[in-house]
Amino acid sequence: MEGRLPDIPKCVMIAAPHTSNWDLPILLFFAFAFKTKLFVMVKNAVFRRPFGGFFKWLGCIAIDRTKPNGVVEQSIQAFRESEEMILVVPPSGTRSKVMYWKTGFYHIAKGANVPIVLGFLDYRRKVGGVGPVVIPTGDIEADMKTIRAFYADITGKNPEKASLRTVASADP
């Protein structure tokens, strides 16, 4: 384990890089080790019987990736209704390689007025944990430079599936 959770009641935590099915169970192990409750966005397919109740108990939130359905607004509302919440978002949105990270994590944090915490699993060094806190300024390109710099040397379980650590509106 590296780093420690910041002493803040609410944040969006990036889960990157996300390249393997092993990322979720290892993330949950780290949540236990850090003695914290995480709410994790996962694809709705994992909620099929008989495991749906188990994943909900773990803090998993079903996301239907096939259609835009207001996930950002729903997440902002959940922050407004919660006294404490760490919402974990894999910005690539998938374990497969994509050209750009989705911007939802940023818009959720900005809209909910909460910081972004840089969570990671570095399989090369066999460590995971918590990196710096980024306060979204509204200048996504500038904020992404800070985020990209942190993740530059972090290696996922399947490096060939790693997505570019940028968003469509930010310069690579």
Protein backbone atom coordinates (compact mmCIF):
# COMPACT_ATOMS: atom_id res chain seq x y z
CA MET A 1 0.00 0.00 0.00
CA GLU A 2 1.15 3.50 -0.82
CA GLY A 3 -0.24 6.83 0.28
CA ARG A 4 -3.21 7.46 2.49
CA LEU A 5 -6.73 8.63 2.03
CA PRO A 6 -7.08 12.37 2.44
CA ASP A 7 -9.14 13.53 5.40
CA ILE A 8 -12.09 14.69 3.31
CA PRO A 9 -15.65 13.38 3.51
CA LYS A 10 -16.41 13.31 -0.21
CA CYS A 11 -14.41 12.80 -3.39
CA VAL A 12 -14.31 11.18 -6.79
CA MET A 13 -11.51 8.63 -6.93
CA ILE A 14 -10.04 7.70 -10.29
CA ALA A 15 -9.40 3.96 -10.63
CA ALA A 16 -6.62 3.67 -13.19
CA PRO A 17 -5.35 2.01 -15.13
CA HIS A 18 -8.26 -0.40 -15.54
CA THR A 19 -7.09 -3.32 -17.68
CA SER A 20 -8.18 -6.50 -15.89
CA ASN A 21 -11.07 -8.24 -14.13
CA TRP A 22 -8.71 -8.48 -11.14
CA ASP A 23 -8.83 -4.70 -10.63
CA LEU A 24 -12.18 -4.77 -8.79
CA PRO A 25 -11.36 -7.46 -6.19
CA ILE A 26 -7.95 -5.91 -5.58
CA LEU A 27 -9.54 -2.46 -5.25
CA LEU A 28 -11.99 -3.86 -2.69
CA PHE A 29 -9.07 -5.41 -0.79
CA PHE A 30 -7.40 -2.00 -0.64
CA ALA A 31 -10.66 -0.41 0.56
CA PHE A 32 -10.68 -2.93 3.41
CA ALA A 33 -7.00 -2.27 4.16
CA PHE A 34 -7.60 1.50 4.15
CA LYS A 35 -10.68 0.91 6.37
CA THR A 36 -13.03 2.80 4.10
CA LYS A 37 -16.26 2.26 2.20
CA LEU A 38 -16.09 2.84 -1.54
CA PHE A 39 -18.88 3.22 -4.04
CA VAL A 40 -17.65 1.77 -7.32
CA MET A 41 -19.14 2.27 -10.80
CA VAL A 42 -19.27 -1.08 -12.62
CA LYS A 43 -21.07 -2.31 -15.72
CA ASN A 44 -24.59 -3.52 -15.01
CA ALA A 45 -23.84 -7.02 -16.36
CA VAL A 46 -22.19 -8.01 -13.05
CA PHE A 47 -25.52 -7.50 -11.28
CA ARG A 48 -27.09 -10.58 -12.85
CA ARG A 49 -28.30 -13.30 -10.53
CA PRO A 50 -27.02 -14.72 -8.28
CA PHE A 51 -24.37 -12.03 -7.63
CA GLY A 52 -26.39 -8.80 -7.87
CA GLY A 53 -27.11 -8.46 -4.15
CA PHE A 54 -23.51 -9.22 -3.27
CA PHE A 55 -22.13 -6.52 -5.58
CA LYS A 56 -24.65 -4.00 -4.26
CA TRP A 57 -23.60 -4.85 -0.69
CA LEU A 58 -19.97 -4.22 -1.71
CA GLY A 59 -20.91 -0.70 -2.81
CA CYS A 60 -21.02 -1.31 -6.55
CA ILE A 61 -23.26 0.97 -8.61
CA ALA A 62 -24.67 -0.47 -11.86
CA ILE A 63 -23.88 1.57 -14.97
CA ASP A 64 -25.55 0.87 -18.31
CA ARG A 65 -22.80 1.71 -20.78
CA THR A 66 -25.03 1.19 -23.84
CA LYS A 67 -26.86 4.52 -23.53
CA PRO A 68 -26.32 7.93 -22.00
CA ASN A 69 -28.61 8.00 -19.00
CA GLY A 70 -27.63 10.88 -16.79
CA VAL A 71 -24.92 9.13 -14.77
CA VAL A 72 -23.15 12.45 -14.12
CA GLU A 73 -26.29 14.16 -12.78
CA GLN A 74 -27.30 11.10 -10.75
CA SER A 75 -23.83 10.98 -9.21
CA ILE A 76 -23.86 14.70 -8.38
CA GLN A 77 -27.24 14.23 -6.70
CA ALA A 78 -25.88 11.27 -4.71
CA PHE A 79 -23.06 13.50 -3.43
CA ARG A 80 -25.59 16.14 -2.39
CA GLU A 81 -27.56 13.56 -0.42
CA SER A 82 -24.55 11.96 1.31
CA GLU A 83 -22.47 13.17 4.22
CA GLU A 84 -19.58 10.93 3.21
CA MET A 85 -18.92 9.35 -0.16
CA ILE A 86 -15.92 8.11 -2.12
CA LEU A 87 -17.13 7.41 -5.64
CA VAL A 88 -14.65 5.30 -7.61
CA VAL A 89 -14.75 5.83 -11.37
CA PRO A 90 -12.59 4.03 -13.92
CA PRO A 91 -12.15 6.89 -16.43
CA SER A 92 -11.50 4.56 -19.37
CA GLY A 93 -14.97 3.11 -18.79
CA THR A 94 -13.76 -0.36 -19.79
CA ARG A 95 -10.91 -2.83 -19.47
CA SER A 96 -10.29 -2.55 -23.21
CA LYS A 97 -8.02 0.00 -24.81
CA VAL A 98 -9.81 3.22 -25.77
CA MET A 99 -8.45 6.37 -27.37
CA TYR A 100 -9.50 8.70 -24.57
CA TRP A 101 -10.73 8.63 -21.01
CA LYS A 102 -14.36 9.57 -20.55
CA THR A 103 -14.85 12.95 -18.86
CA GLY A 104 -17.62 11.87 -16.48
CA PHE A 105 -15.30 11.61 -13.47
CA TYR A 106 -14.25 15.23 -13.98
CA HIS A 107 -17.77 16.58 -14.50
CA ILE A 108 -19.07 14.69 -11.46
CA ALA A 109 -16.32 16.14 -9.27
CA LYS A 110 -16.76 19.66 -10.63
CA GLY A 111 -20.57 19.53 -10.40
CA ALA A 112 -20.54 18.10 -6.87
CA ASN A 113 -17.77 20.50 -5.81
CA VAL A 114 -15.58 17.65 -4.57
CA PRO A 115 -11.90 16.89 -5.24
CA ILE A 116 -10.53 14.14 -7.44
CA VAL A 117 -8.29 11.63 -5.68
CA LEU A 118 -5.88 9.67 -7.85
CA GLY A 119 -6.20 5.99 -6.96
CA PHE A 120 -4.01 3.39 -8.64
CA LEU A 121 -2.98 -0.22 -8.99
CA ASP A 122 0.58 -0.52 -10.29
CA TYR A 123 1.08 -4.17 -11.18
CA ARG A 124 4.68 -3.61 -12.30
CA ARG A 125 5.73 -2.49 -8.81
CA LYS A 126 3.07 -4.65 -7.09
CA VAL A 127 1.59 -1.70 -5.17
CA GLY A 128 -1.68 0.11 -5.04
CA GLY A 129 -2.97 3.06 -3.18
CA VAL A 130 -3.75 6.71 -3.18
CA GLY A 131 -1.91 9.51 -4.94
CA PRO A 132 -2.44 13.25 -4.90
CA VAL A 133 -5.69 15.20 -4.68
CA VAL A 134 -6.68 17.35 -7.65
CA ILE A 135 -9.19 20.14 -7.18
CA PRO A 136 -11.04 20.55 -10.49
CA THR A 137 -10.59 24.14 -11.65
CA GLY A 138 -12.90 23.96 -14.64
CA ASP A 139 -9.88 23.99 -16.97
CA ILE A 140 -9.94 20.30 -17.82
CA GLU A 141 -6.87 20.56 -20.07
CA ALA A 142 -4.70 22.03 -17.29
CA ASP A 143 -6.07 19.62 -14.68
CA MET A 144 -5.45 16.65 -16.99
CA LYS A 145 -1.77 17.61 -17.29
CA THR A 146 -1.44 17.07 -13.53
CA ILE A 147 -3.39 13.81 -13.68
CA ARG A 148 -1.43 12.50 -16.67
CA ALA A 149 1.89 13.27 -14.98
CA PHE A 150 0.91 11.16 -11.96
CA TYR A 151 -0.21 8.14 -14.03
CA ALA A 152 2.72 8.29 -16.49
CA ASP A 153 4.66 5.51 -14.72
CA ILE A 154 1.73 3.42 -13.44
CA THR A 155 1.35 0.04 -15.18
CA GLY A 156 -1.89 -1.96 -15.36
CA LYS A 157 -2.07 -5.75 -15.25
CA ASN A 158 -2.44 -5.85 -19.05
CA PRO A 159 -0.37 -2.88 -20.27
CA GLU A 160 -1.37 -3.46 -23.90
CA LYS A 161 -4.96 -2.59 -22.92
CA ALA A 162 -4.03 0.68 -21.22
CA SER A 163 -5.91 3.68 -22.56
CA LEU A 164 -4.39 7.03 -23.33
CA ARG A 165 -4.45 9.06 -20.14
CA THR A 166 -6.12 12.05 -21.69
CA VAL A 167 -9.63 13.18 -22.48
CA ALA A 168 -10.95 14.08 -25.91
CA SER A 169 -10.90 17.81 -25.14
CA ALA A 170 -7.38 17.85 -23.68
CA ASP A 171 -4.13 17.99 -25.59
CA PRO A 172 -2.22 14.69 -25.42
